[in-house]
Amino acid sequence: MYIISKCLLGHNCKYNGGNNKNENVIEFCNKHKYIAVCPESLGNLPCPRPPAEITEGCVIDKNGRDVTQSFADGAKAAMNICIKVSEELGERLEGAILKANSPSCGHGKVYDGTFSGVLTDGNGIFARLLKENGIDIITEKEKIKW
């Protein structure tokens, strides 16, 4: 069973009220069991909302508001849902396809906190939690390897 960022499946949960629908991810999901989550929605962040980026270990929105706790709460809630569903179905969590560069789901690269489109090495809050739990992660920009 795989964890998928909801926005990649066309759910309108992106910060601007839209989505990041990705046909390759949808095609993958048509052939595999999956759980779709949006950690930001689960952190009770509104939609739409100001964009947020990670800087100095905190998630700060474009208005300067520290939203780290909402991102952390959402990541924990998403992880708990994934564990619960996988246990109920008797399925192992095999990996995750997450939204690239996101302060929640980014893997390997995230925006640097300047809101200028600059990327820096790092992982989003949810991606970090998945890695801590041994879940293999790729983003929609990578070739799906499973």
C-alpha atoms as a PDB file:
ATOM      1  CA  MET A   1       0.000   0.000   0.000  1.00  0.00           C
ATOM      2  CA  TYR A   2       1.261   3.456  -0.933  1.00  0.00           C
ATOM      3  CA  ILE A   3       0.809   6.920   0.535  1.00  0.00           C
ATOM      4  CA  ILE A   4      -0.126   9.561  -2.031  1.00  0.00           C
ATOM      5  CA  SER A   5      -0.377  13.349  -1.696  1.00  0.00           C
ATOM      6  CA  LYS A   6      -4.056  14.148  -2.299  1.00  0.00           C
ATOM      7  CA  CYS A   7      -3.263  17.155  -4.480  1.00  0.00           C
ATOM      8  CA  LEU A   8      -1.536  14.841  -6.983  1.00  0.00           C
ATOM      9  CA  LEU A   9      -4.845  13.019  -7.465  1.00  0.00           C
ATOM     10  CA  GLY A  10      -6.697  16.234  -8.265  1.00  0.00           C
ATOM     11  CA  HIS A  11      -8.035  17.122  -4.815  1.00  0.00           C
ATOM     12  CA  ASN A  12      -8.223  20.899  -4.396  1.00  0.00           C
ATOM     13  CA  CYS A  13      -6.190  21.162  -1.209  1.00  0.00           C
ATOM     14  CA  LYS A  14      -3.189  23.122  -2.510  1.00  0.00           C
ATOM     15  CA  TYR A  15      -2.423  26.400  -0.709  1.00  0.00           C
ATOM     16  CA  ASN A  16      -4.033  28.420  -3.528  1.00  0.00           C
ATOM     17  CA  GLY A  17      -7.201  26.308  -3.568  1.00  0.00           C
ATOM     18  CA  GLY A  18      -6.141  24.297  -6.601  1.00  0.00           C
ATOM     19  CA  ASN A  19      -4.399  20.969  -7.077  1.00  0.00           C
ATOM     20  CA  ASN A  20      -1.334  19.376  -8.654  1.00  0.00           C
ATOM     21  CA  LYS A  21      -3.106  16.627 -10.600  1.00  0.00           C
ATOM     22  CA  ASN A  22      -0.571  14.274 -12.129  1.00  0.00           C
ATOM     23  CA  GLU A  23      -1.660  11.672 -14.678  1.00  0.00           C
ATOM     24  CA  ASN A  24       1.344   9.398 -14.030  1.00  0.00           C
ATOM     25  CA  VAL A  25       0.475   9.242 -10.317  1.00  0.00           C
ATOM     26  CA  ILE A  26      -3.200   8.611 -11.117  1.00  0.00           C
ATOM     27  CA  GLU A  27      -2.212   5.796 -13.484  1.00  0.00           C
ATOM     28  CA  PHE A  28      -0.024   4.291 -10.731  1.00  0.00           C
ATOM     29  CA  CYS A  29      -2.922   4.486  -8.263  1.00  0.00           C
ATOM     30  CA  ASN A  30      -5.214   2.689 -10.712  1.00  0.00           C
ATOM     31  CA  LYS A  31      -2.913  -0.338 -10.372  1.00  0.00           C
ATOM     32  CA  HIS A  32      -1.964  -0.199  -6.668  1.00  0.00           C
ATOM     33  CA  LYS A  33      -3.602   0.105  -3.281  1.00  0.00           C
ATOM     34  CA  TYR A  34      -3.081   3.537  -1.790  1.00  0.00           C
ATOM     35  CA  ILE A  35      -4.051   6.014   0.908  1.00  0.00           C
ATOM     36  CA  ALA A  36      -4.440   9.649  -0.149  1.00  0.00           C
ATOM     37  CA  VAL A  37      -3.714  12.280   2.504  1.00  0.00           C
ATOM     38  CA  CYS A  38      -3.153  16.017   2.729  1.00  0.00           C
ATOM     39  CA  PRO A  39      -1.182  16.810   5.878  1.00  0.00           C
ATOM     40  CA  GLU A  40      -1.867  20.523   5.513  1.00  0.00           C
ATOM     41  CA  SER A  41      -5.638  19.991   5.473  1.00  0.00           C
ATOM     42  CA  LEU A  42      -5.313  17.597   8.411  1.00  0.00           C
ATOM     43  CA  GLY A  43      -3.417  20.356  10.247  1.00  0.00           C
ATOM     44  CA  ASN A  44      -6.578  22.491   9.958  1.00  0.00           C
ATOM     45  CA  LEU A  45      -4.964  24.968   7.607  1.00  0.00           C
ATOM     46  CA  PRO A  46      -7.529  26.837   5.477  1.00  0.00           C
ATOM     47  CA  CYS A  47      -7.794  26.423   1.731  1.00  0.00           C
ATOM     48  CA  PRO A  48      -6.870  28.724   0.148  1.00  0.00           C
ATOM     49  CA  ARG A  49      -4.142  30.008   2.467  1.00  0.00           C
ATOM     50  CA  PRO A  50      -0.949  32.025   2.108  1.00  0.00           C
ATOM     51  CA  PRO A  51       1.952  30.002   0.691  1.00  0.00           C
ATOM     52  CA  ALA A  52       4.449  28.742   3.271  1.00  0.00           C
ATOM     53  CA  GLU A  53       8.103  27.777   3.133  1.00  0.00           C
ATOM     54  CA  ILE A  54      10.621  26.273   5.522  1.00  0.00           C
ATOM     55  CA  THR A  55      13.255  28.562   6.988  1.00  0.00           C
ATOM     56  CA  GLU A  56      15.577  27.792   9.881  1.00  0.00           C
ATOM     57  CA  GLY A  57      13.542  24.690  10.756  1.00  0.00           C
ATOM     58  CA  CYS A  58      10.213  26.538  10.952  1.00  0.00           C
ATOM     59  CA  VAL A  59       7.353  26.778   8.478  1.00  0.00           C
ATOM     60  CA  ILE A  60       6.544  30.427   7.905  1.00  0.00           C
ATOM     61  CA  ASP A  61       3.780  31.686   5.636  1.00  0.00           C
ATOM     62  CA  LYS A  62       4.217  34.589   3.238  1.00  0.00           C
ATOM     63  CA  ASN A  63       2.621  36.938   5.799  1.00  0.00           C
ATOM     64  CA  GLY A  64       5.325  36.037   8.351  1.00  0.00           C
ATOM     65  CA  ARG A  65       3.082  33.818  10.488  1.00  0.00           C
ATOM     66  CA  ASP A  66       4.719  30.737  12.042  1.00  0.00           C
ATOM     67  CA  VAL A  67       2.547  27.772  11.017  1.00  0.00           C
ATOM     68  CA  THR A  68       5.005  25.071  12.074  1.00  0.00           C
ATOM     69  CA  GLN A  69       2.660  23.570  14.667  1.00  0.00           C
ATOM     70  CA  SER A  70      -0.188  23.191  12.147  1.00  0.00           C
ATOM     71  CA  PHE A  71       2.174  21.469   9.723  1.00  0.00           C
ATOM     72  CA  ALA A  72       3.488  19.176  12.478  1.00  0.00           C
ATOM     73  CA  ASP A  73      -0.027  18.352  13.709  1.00  0.00           C
ATOM     74  CA  GLY A  74      -1.139  17.574  10.158  1.00  0.00           C
ATOM     75  CA  ALA A  75       1.880  15.367   9.526  1.00  0.00           C
ATOM     76  CA  LYS A  76       1.175  13.364  12.694  1.00  0.00           C
ATOM     77  CA  ALA A  77      -2.521  13.045  11.824  1.00  0.00           C
ATOM     78  CA  ALA A  78      -1.679  11.875   8.286  1.00  0.00           C
ATOM     79  CA  MET A  79       0.841   9.346   9.605  1.00  0.00           C
ATOM     80  CA  ASN A  80      -1.699   8.010  12.114  1.00  0.00           C
ATOM     81  CA  ILE A  81      -4.326   7.606   9.369  1.00  0.00           C
ATOM     82  CA  CYS A  82      -1.864   5.761   7.140  1.00  0.00           C
ATOM     83  CA  ILE A  83      -0.833   3.400   9.932  1.00  0.00           C
ATOM     84  CA  LYS A  84      -4.432   2.749  10.987  1.00  0.00           C
ATOM     85  CA  VAL A  85      -5.679   2.037   7.455  1.00  0.00           C
ATOM     86  CA  SER A  86      -2.716  -0.189   6.605  1.00  0.00           C
ATOM     87  CA  GLU A  87      -3.196  -2.177   9.812  1.00  0.00           C
ATOM     88  CA  GLU A  88      -6.946  -2.516   9.257  1.00  0.00           C
ATOM     89  CA  LEU A  89      -6.350  -3.815   5.731  1.00  0.00           C
ATOM     90  CA  GLY A  90      -3.371  -5.949   6.701  1.00  0.00           C
ATOM     91  CA  GLU A  91      -1.217  -4.085   4.186  1.00  0.00           C
ATOM     92  CA  ARG A  92       2.373  -2.926   4.556  1.00  0.00           C
ATOM     93  CA  LEU A  93       3.136   0.726   3.777  1.00  0.00           C
ATOM     94  CA  GLU A  94       5.533   0.233   0.872  1.00  0.00           C
ATOM     95  CA  GLY A  95       6.301   3.808  -0.109  1.00  0.00           C
ATOM     96  CA  ALA A  96       4.997   7.288  -0.747  1.00  0.00           C
ATOM     97  CA  ILE A  97       4.591   9.563  -3.757  1.00  0.00           C
ATOM     98  CA  LEU A  98       4.550  13.107  -2.433  1.00  0.00           C
ATOM     99  CA  LYS A  99       4.332  16.639  -3.857  1.00  0.00           C
ATOM    100  CA  ALA A 100       7.791  17.917  -4.692  1.00  0.00           C
ATOM    101  CA  ASN A 101       9.186  20.992  -2.926  1.00  0.00           C
ATOM    102  CA  SER A 102       6.216  21.306  -0.543  1.00  0.00           C
ATOM    103  CA  PRO A 103       6.814  22.368   3.076  1.00  0.00           C
ATOM    104  CA  SER A 104       4.810  19.264   4.020  1.00  0.00           C
ATOM    105  CA  CYS A 105       5.672  16.725   1.384  1.00  0.00           C
ATOM    106  CA  GLY A 106       8.842  17.924  -0.306  1.00  0.00           C
ATOM    107  CA  HIS A 107      11.569  15.290  -0.493  1.00  0.00           C
ATOM    108  CA  GLY A 108      15.191  16.230  -1.094  1.00  0.00           C
ATOM    109  CA  LYS A 109      14.438  19.846  -2.009  1.00  0.00           C
ATOM    110  CA  VAL A 110      12.118  22.467  -0.484  1.00  0.00           C
ATOM    111  CA  TYR A 111      11.696  26.184  -1.035  1.00  0.00           C
ATOM    112  CA  ASP A 112      14.176  28.180   1.051  1.00  0.00           C
ATOM    113  CA  GLY A 113      11.847  30.600   2.852  1.00  0.00           C
ATOM    114  CA  THR A 114      12.522  33.637   0.676  1.00  0.00           C
ATOM    115  CA  PHE A 115       9.403  33.139  -1.492  1.00  0.00           C
ATOM    116  CA  SER A 116      11.586  33.702  -4.539  1.00  0.00           C
ATOM    117  CA  GLY A 117      11.396  30.195  -6.037  1.00  0.00           C
ATOM    118  CA  VAL A 118      14.823  29.197  -4.712  1.00  0.00           C
ATOM    119  CA  LEU A 119      15.177  25.564  -3.652  1.00  0.00           C
ATOM    120  CA  THR A 120      17.434  24.242  -0.922  1.00  0.00           C
ATOM    121  CA  ASP A 121      18.277  20.753   0.298  1.00  0.00           C
ATOM    122  CA  GLY A 122      15.734  19.453   2.767  1.00  0.00           C
ATOM    123  CA  ASN A 123      12.485  17.640   3.406  1.00  0.00           C
ATOM    124  CA  GLY A 124       9.003  18.782   4.290  1.00  0.00           C
ATOM    125  CA  ILE A 125       7.519  18.067   7.717  1.00  0.00           C
ATOM    126  CA  PHE A 126       5.449  15.033   6.601  1.00  0.00           C
ATOM    127  CA  ALA A 127       8.288  13.669   4.465  1.00  0.00           C
ATOM    128  CA  ARG A 128      10.608  13.818   7.496  1.00  0.00           C
ATOM    129  CA  LEU A 129       8.098  11.871   9.572  1.00  0.00           C
ATOM    130  CA  LEU A 130       7.728   9.209   6.882  1.00  0.00           C
ATOM    131  CA  LYS A 131      11.510   8.848   6.626  1.00  0.00           C
ATOM    132  CA  GLU A 132      11.732   8.479  10.424  1.00  0.00           C
ATOM    133  CA  ASN A 133       9.260   5.608  10.077  1.00  0.00           C
ATOM    134  CA  GLY A 134      11.239   3.899   7.308  1.00  0.00           C
ATOM    135  CA  ILE A 135       8.893   4.771   4.442  1.00  0.00           C
ATOM    136  CA  ASP A 136      10.569   5.122   1.033  1.00  0.00           C
ATOM    137  CA  ILE A 137       9.619   8.407  -0.669  1.00  0.00           C
ATOM    138  CA  ILE A 138       9.655   9.760  -4.204  1.00  0.00           C
ATOM    139  CA  THR A 139       8.013  12.857  -5.651  1.00  0.00           C
ATOM    140  CA  GLU A 140       5.821  13.165  -8.714  1.00  0.00           C
ATOM    141  CA  LYS A 141       8.859  14.539 -10.579  1.00  0.00           C
ATOM    142  CA  GLU A 142      10.731  11.246 -10.264  1.00  0.00           C
ATOM    143  CA  LYS A 143      10.240   8.064 -12.221  1.00  0.00           C
ATOM    144  CA  ILE A 144       7.896   5.811 -10.284  1.00  0.00           C
ATOM    145  CA  LYS A 145      10.034   2.823  -9.324  1.00  0.00           C
ATOM    146  CA  TRP A 146       7.538   0.465  -7.744  1.00  0.00           C
END
